[in-house]
Amino acid sequence: MQRYGAVIELKTDKIDEYKRLHAAAWPGVLRMIKTCNIRNYSIYLRKFPDGHHYLFSTFEYVGTDFTGDMYKMAADPETQRWWAVCKPCHVPFADRSPEAWWADMEEVFHLD
């Protein structure tokens, strides 16, 4: 099992929409997340002193082919439609890796 964390800015005028979307996440998207071996997936929201809002996601990957599973998820038509409604809520970091939407975070501590 491998843990992952990522961060992205959330547009202030999209906070309510983003919360509504995730309060009723599409069942097909949730199935695909599980099919792609992701477990314990959480998203947190925090307003920083700079006035911007940031989302922090964490999850555990329990599969053996992370890259393959991520390609599988990205190829799923329902996931693509979900991303099409979620992405306009975000402001991605300029320094994220070229293939990523969210910027990866380094885990520096974990206690089981």
N, C-alpha and C. Protein backbone atom coordinates (compact mmCIF):
# COMPACT_ATOMS: atom_id res chain seq x y z
N MET A 1 0.85 -1.18 0.00
CA MET A 1 0.00 0.00 0.00
C MET A 1 0.89 1.24 0.00
N GLN A 2 0.50 2.22 -0.79
CA GLN A 2 1.22 3.48 -0.88
C GLN A 2 0.24 4.62 -0.63
N ARG A 3 0.63 5.60 0.17
CA ARG A 3 -0.21 6.77 0.44
C ARG A 3 0.20 7.92 -0.49
N TYR A 4 -0.79 8.70 -0.89
CA TYR A 4 -0.57 9.85 -1.75
C TYR A 4 -1.28 11.06 -1.18
N GLY A 5 -0.72 12.23 -1.44
CA GLY A 5 -1.35 13.49 -1.06
C GLY A 5 -1.14 14.50 -2.16
N ALA A 6 -2.13 15.37 -2.34
CA ALA A 6 -2.05 16.38 -3.38
C ALA A 6 -2.79 17.63 -2.93
N VAL A 7 -2.49 18.75 -3.61
CA VAL A 7 -3.09 20.04 -3.27
C VAL A 7 -3.44 20.79 -4.54
N ILE A 8 -4.50 21.60 -4.46
CA ILE A 8 -4.90 22.46 -5.56
C ILE A 8 -5.68 23.62 -4.97
N GLU A 9 -5.65 24.76 -5.64
CA GLU A 9 -6.45 25.89 -5.19
C GLU A 9 -7.89 25.72 -5.66
N LEU A 10 -8.83 26.14 -4.82
CA LEU A 10 -10.25 26.12 -5.15
C LEU A 10 -10.72 27.55 -5.32
N LYS A 11 -11.35 27.85 -6.45
CA LYS A 11 -11.85 29.21 -6.68
C LYS A 11 -12.91 29.54 -5.63
N THR A 12 -12.79 30.72 -5.04
CA THR A 12 -13.71 31.13 -3.98
C THR A 12 -15.16 31.08 -4.42
N ASP A 13 -15.44 31.49 -5.64
CA ASP A 13 -16.82 31.51 -6.12
C ASP A 13 -17.34 30.12 -6.50
N LYS A 14 -16.50 29.09 -6.38
CA LYS A 14 -16.89 27.72 -6.72
C LYS A 14 -16.98 26.80 -5.49
N ILE A 15 -16.78 27.35 -4.30
CA ILE A 15 -16.75 26.52 -3.10
C ILE A 15 -18.07 25.78 -2.91
N ASP A 16 -19.19 26.50 -2.95
CA ASP A 16 -20.49 25.84 -2.74
C ASP A 16 -20.76 24.78 -3.79
N GLU A 17 -20.46 25.09 -5.05
CA GLU A 17 -20.66 24.12 -6.13
C GLU A 17 -19.82 22.87 -5.91
N TYR A 18 -18.55 23.06 -5.53
CA TYR A 18 -17.65 21.93 -5.33
C TYR A 18 -18.15 21.05 -4.17
N LYS A 19 -18.59 21.67 -3.12
CA LYS A 19 -19.13 20.91 -1.98
C LYS A 19 -20.38 20.14 -2.39
N ARG A 20 -21.27 20.78 -3.16
CA ARG A 20 -22.49 20.09 -3.63
C ARG A 20 -22.15 18.89 -4.50
N LEU A 21 -21.21 19.08 -5.41
CA LEU A 21 -20.79 17.98 -6.27
C LEU A 21 -20.30 16.78 -5.45
N HIS A 22 -19.48 17.06 -4.47
CA HIS A 22 -18.89 15.96 -3.70
C HIS A 22 -19.84 15.39 -2.64
N ALA A 23 -20.84 16.14 -2.27
CA ALA A 23 -21.87 15.59 -1.36
C ALA A 23 -22.73 14.56 -2.07
N ALA A 24 -22.76 14.63 -3.40
CA ALA A 24 -23.54 13.69 -4.21
C ALA A 24 -22.67 13.19 -5.37
N ALA A 25 -21.48 12.72 -5.04
CA ALA A 25 -20.56 12.24 -6.07
C ALA A 25 -21.22 11.13 -6.88
N TRP A 26 -20.94 11.13 -8.16
CA TRP A 26 -21.58 10.19 -9.07
C TRP A 26 -21.15 8.75 -8.76
N PRO A 27 -22.10 7.85 -8.65
CA PRO A 27 -21.78 6.45 -8.31
C PRO A 27 -20.78 5.80 -9.26
N GLY A 28 -20.88 6.06 -10.55
CA GLY A 28 -19.93 5.48 -11.50
C GLY A 28 -18.51 5.95 -11.27
N VAL A 29 -18.36 7.20 -10.86
CA VAL A 29 -17.03 7.74 -10.56
C VAL A 29 -16.47 7.08 -9.30
N LEU A 30 -17.32 6.92 -8.31
CA LEU A 30 -16.87 6.26 -7.07
C LEU A 30 -16.49 4.81 -7.33
N ARG A 31 -17.25 4.12 -8.17
CA ARG A 31 -16.89 2.73 -8.53
C ARG A 31 -15.55 2.69 -9.23
N MET A 32 -15.31 3.62 -10.15
CA MET A 32 -14.05 3.63 -10.88
C MET A 32 -12.88 3.89 -9.93
N ILE A 33 -13.05 4.78 -8.99
CA ILE A 33 -11.99 5.04 -8.00
C ILE A 33 -11.63 3.74 -7.28
N LYS A 34 -12.64 3.01 -6.84
CA LYS A 34 -12.39 1.74 -6.14
C LYS A 34 -11.80 0.69 -7.08
N THR A 35 -12.31 0.64 -8.32
CA THR A 35 -11.80 -0.31 -9.31
C THR A 35 -10.31 -0.07 -9.57
N CYS A 36 -9.90 1.17 -9.48
CA CYS A 36 -8.50 1.53 -9.71
C CYS A 36 -7.66 1.46 -8.44
N ASN A 37 -8.16 0.72 -7.46
CA ASN A 37 -7.38 0.37 -6.26
C ASN A 37 -7.07 1.54 -5.34
N ILE A 38 -7.95 2.53 -5.31
CA ILE A 38 -7.81 3.65 -4.38
C ILE A 38 -8.75 3.43 -3.20
N ARG A 39 -8.23 3.61 -2.01
CA ARG A 39 -9.00 3.43 -0.78
C ARG A 39 -8.75 4.63 0.13
N ASN A 40 -9.65 4.83 1.09
CA ASN A 40 -9.49 5.88 2.10
C ASN A 40 -9.18 7.24 1.47
N TYR A 41 -9.97 7.59 0.47
CA TYR A 41 -9.79 8.85 -0.27
C TYR A 41 -10.54 9.96 0.45
N SER A 42 -9.85 11.03 0.77
CA SER A 42 -10.44 12.18 1.45
C SER A 42 -9.99 13.46 0.78
N ILE A 43 -10.86 14.47 0.82
CA ILE A 43 -10.51 15.81 0.35
C ILE A 43 -10.85 16.79 1.48
N TYR A 44 -9.90 17.66 1.80
CA TYR A 44 -10.07 18.66 2.85
C TYR A 44 -10.00 20.04 2.22
N LEU A 45 -10.70 20.98 2.82
CA LEU A 45 -10.71 22.37 2.36
C LEU A 45 -10.19 23.28 3.46
N ARG A 46 -9.35 24.25 3.08
CA ARG A 46 -8.81 25.20 4.06
C ARG A 46 -8.59 26.55 3.40
N LYS A 47 -9.06 27.60 4.04
CA LYS A 47 -8.75 28.97 3.62
C LYS A 47 -7.45 29.38 4.31
N PHE A 48 -6.51 29.87 3.53
CA PHE A 48 -5.23 30.28 4.07
C PHE A 48 -5.22 31.79 4.34
N PRO A 49 -4.26 32.26 5.12
CA PRO A 49 -4.18 33.69 5.41
C PRO A 49 -4.05 34.56 4.16
N ASP A 50 -3.61 33.98 3.05
CA ASP A 50 -3.51 34.76 1.81
C ASP A 50 -4.88 35.00 1.18
N GLY A 51 -5.94 34.46 1.80
CA GLY A 51 -7.30 34.63 1.31
C GLY A 51 -7.73 33.58 0.30
N HIS A 52 -6.82 32.74 -0.13
CA HIS A 52 -7.14 31.69 -1.10
C HIS A 52 -7.59 30.42 -0.38
N HIS A 53 -8.39 29.64 -1.07
CA HIS A 53 -8.88 28.36 -0.54
C HIS A 53 -8.14 27.22 -1.24
N TYR A 54 -7.72 26.24 -0.45
CA TYR A 54 -6.97 25.12 -0.99
C TYR A 54 -7.63 23.80 -0.60
N LEU A 55 -7.60 22.88 -1.55
CA LEU A 55 -8.07 21.52 -1.33
C LEU A 55 -6.86 20.62 -1.15
N PHE A 56 -6.94 19.73 -0.18
CA PHE A 56 -5.89 18.75 0.08
C PHE A 56 -6.52 17.37 -0.02
N SER A 57 -5.96 16.51 -0.84
CA SER A 57 -6.49 15.16 -0.96
C SER A 57 -5.47 14.16 -0.46
N THR A 58 -5.99 13.09 0.12
CA THR A 58 -5.15 11.98 0.55
C THR A 58 -5.85 10.69 0.16
N PHE A 59 -5.07 9.69 -0.19
CA PHE A 59 -5.64 8.37 -0.45
C PHE A 59 -4.56 7.30 -0.33
N GLU A 60 -5.02 6.08 -0.25
CA GLU A 60 -4.13 4.92 -0.23
C GLU A 60 -4.33 4.15 -1.53
N TYR A 61 -3.23 3.78 -2.14
CA TYR A 61 -3.27 2.96 -3.35
C TYR A 61 -2.88 1.54 -2.96
N VAL A 62 -3.76 0.58 -3.25
CA VAL A 62 -3.55 -0.80 -2.82
C VAL A 62 -3.28 -1.75 -3.99
N GLY A 63 -3.10 -1.21 -5.18
CA GLY A 63 -2.85 -2.05 -6.36
C GLY A 63 -1.37 -2.26 -6.60
N THR A 64 -1.06 -2.77 -7.80
CA THR A 64 0.33 -3.06 -8.16
C THR A 64 0.79 -2.31 -9.40
N ASP A 65 -0.12 -1.57 -10.05
CA ASP A 65 0.22 -0.83 -11.27
C ASP A 65 -0.44 0.55 -11.21
N PHE A 66 0.14 1.45 -10.43
CA PHE A 66 -0.44 2.76 -10.22
C PHE A 66 -0.64 3.50 -11.55
N THR A 67 0.40 3.53 -12.37
CA THR A 67 0.31 4.24 -13.65
C THR A 67 -0.80 3.66 -14.52
N GLY A 68 -0.86 2.36 -14.61
CA GLY A 68 -1.91 1.71 -15.40
C GLY A 68 -3.30 2.00 -14.87
N ASP A 69 -3.46 1.97 -13.55
CA ASP A 69 -4.76 2.26 -12.96
C ASP A 69 -5.16 3.72 -13.19
N MET A 70 -4.19 4.62 -13.14
CA MET A 70 -4.51 6.03 -13.37
C MET A 70 -4.90 6.27 -14.83
N TYR A 71 -4.24 5.56 -15.76
CA TYR A 71 -4.64 5.66 -17.18
C TYR A 71 -6.04 5.09 -17.39
N LYS A 72 -6.33 4.00 -16.71
CA LYS A 72 -7.66 3.39 -16.80
C LYS A 72 -8.73 4.37 -16.33
N MET A 73 -8.48 5.03 -15.19
CA MET A 73 -9.43 6.01 -14.67
C MET A 73 -9.59 7.18 -15.64
N ALA A 74 -8.47 7.67 -16.17
CA ALA A 74 -8.51 8.82 -17.08
C ALA A 74 -9.24 8.50 -18.38
N ALA A 75 -9.27 7.24 -18.77
CA ALA A 75 -9.94 6.83 -20.00
C ALA A 75 -11.43 6.59 -19.82
N ASP A 76 -11.89 6.55 -18.59
CA ASP A 76 -13.29 6.26 -18.30
C ASP A 76 -14.17 7.46 -18.68
N PRO A 77 -15.17 7.27 -19.56
CA PRO A 77 -16.00 8.40 -20.01
C PRO A 77 -16.74 9.12 -18.88
N GLU A 78 -17.24 8.38 -17.89
CA GLU A 78 -17.95 9.05 -16.81
C GLU A 78 -16.99 9.87 -15.94
N THR A 79 -15.81 9.35 -15.70
CA THR A 79 -14.80 10.10 -14.96
C THR A 79 -14.41 11.36 -15.73
N GLN A 80 -14.29 11.25 -17.04
CA GLN A 80 -13.97 12.43 -17.85
C GLN A 80 -15.06 13.49 -17.72
N ARG A 81 -16.33 13.08 -17.72
CA ARG A 81 -17.43 14.04 -17.55
C ARG A 81 -17.38 14.68 -16.16
N TRP A 82 -17.06 13.87 -15.13
CA TRP A 82 -16.94 14.37 -13.76
C TRP A 82 -15.83 15.42 -13.68
N TRP A 83 -14.68 15.10 -14.25
CA TRP A 83 -13.57 16.05 -14.24
C TRP A 83 -13.94 17.33 -14.98
N ALA A 84 -14.74 17.20 -16.03
CA ALA A 84 -15.13 18.39 -16.81
C ALA A 84 -15.97 19.36 -15.98
N VAL A 85 -16.71 18.86 -14.98
CA VAL A 85 -17.48 19.76 -14.12
C VAL A 85 -16.67 20.20 -12.90
N CYS A 86 -15.69 19.41 -12.49
CA CYS A 86 -14.87 19.76 -11.33
C CYS A 86 -13.71 20.69 -11.67
N LYS A 87 -13.06 20.48 -12.79
CA LYS A 87 -11.86 21.25 -13.13
C LYS A 87 -12.09 22.76 -13.20
N PRO A 88 -13.25 23.24 -13.67
CA PRO A 88 -13.44 24.69 -13.67
C PRO A 88 -13.48 25.32 -12.27
N CYS A 89 -13.58 24.49 -11.24
CA CYS A 89 -13.57 24.97 -9.86
C CYS A 89 -12.14 25.21 -9.35
N HIS A 90 -11.16 24.68 -10.04
CA HIS A 90 -9.78 24.65 -9.57
C HIS A 90 -8.89 25.72 -10.21
N VAL A 91 -7.82 26.01 -9.49
CA VAL A 91 -6.69 26.78 -10.02
C VAL A 91 -5.46 25.91 -9.79
N PRO A 92 -5.02 25.18 -10.81
CA PRO A 92 -3.87 24.29 -10.59
C PRO A 92 -2.57 25.07 -10.39
N PHE A 93 -1.66 24.47 -9.65
CA PHE A 93 -0.36 25.09 -9.40
C PHE A 93 0.49 25.05 -10.67
N ALA A 94 1.19 26.12 -10.93
CA ALA A 94 2.04 26.20 -12.13
C ALA A 94 3.18 25.19 -12.08
N ASP A 95 3.64 24.82 -10.88
CA ASP A 95 4.80 23.94 -10.76
C ASP A 95 4.45 22.47 -10.59
N ARG A 96 3.19 22.11 -10.85
CA ARG A 96 2.81 20.69 -10.75
C ARG A 96 3.50 19.90 -11.86
N SER A 97 3.56 18.59 -11.72
CA SER A 97 4.15 17.78 -12.78
C SER A 97 3.29 17.89 -14.03
N PRO A 98 3.88 17.80 -15.20
CA PRO A 98 3.17 18.07 -16.46
C PRO A 98 1.93 17.20 -16.68
N GLU A 99 1.94 15.98 -16.20
CA GLU A 99 0.81 15.08 -16.41
C GLU A 99 -0.26 15.19 -15.32
N ALA A 100 -0.04 16.00 -14.31
CA ALA A 100 -0.94 16.08 -13.16
C ALA A 100 -1.80 17.33 -13.20
N TRP A 101 -2.99 17.24 -12.63
CA TRP A 101 -3.86 18.41 -12.43
C TRP A 101 -3.62 18.96 -11.03
N TRP A 102 -3.68 18.08 -10.02
CA TRP A 102 -3.35 18.44 -8.64
C TRP A 102 -1.83 18.35 -8.49
N ALA A 103 -1.27 19.15 -7.58
CA ALA A 103 0.17 19.10 -7.30
C ALA A 103 0.43 18.08 -6.20
N ASP A 104 1.37 17.18 -6.44
CA ASP A 104 1.71 16.16 -5.46
C ASP A 104 2.32 16.80 -4.21
N MET A 105 2.05 16.16 -3.07
CA MET A 105 2.69 16.56 -1.81
C MET A 105 3.57 15.43 -1.32
N GLU A 106 4.61 15.78 -0.61
CA GLU A 106 5.52 14.79 -0.03
C GLU A 106 5.02 14.43 1.38
N GLU A 107 4.88 13.15 1.63
CA GLU A 107 4.53 12.72 2.99
C GLU A 107 5.79 12.79 3.84
N VAL A 108 5.70 13.49 4.96
CA VAL A 108 6.86 13.59 5.85
C VAL A 108 6.64 12.86 7.17
N PHE A 109 5.39 12.44 7.44
CA PHE A 109 5.11 11.70 8.68
C PHE A 109 3.79 10.99 8.54
N HIS A 110 3.73 9.77 9.09
CA HIS A 110 2.48 9.01 9.17
C HIS A 110 2.57 8.08 10.38
N LEU A 111 1.51 8.03 11.14
CA LEU A 111 1.44 7.12 12.28
C LEU A 111 0.27 6.18 12.07
N ASP A 112 0.55 4.88 12.05
CA ASP A 112 -0.52 3.88 11.97
C ASP A 112 -1.10 3.63 13.33
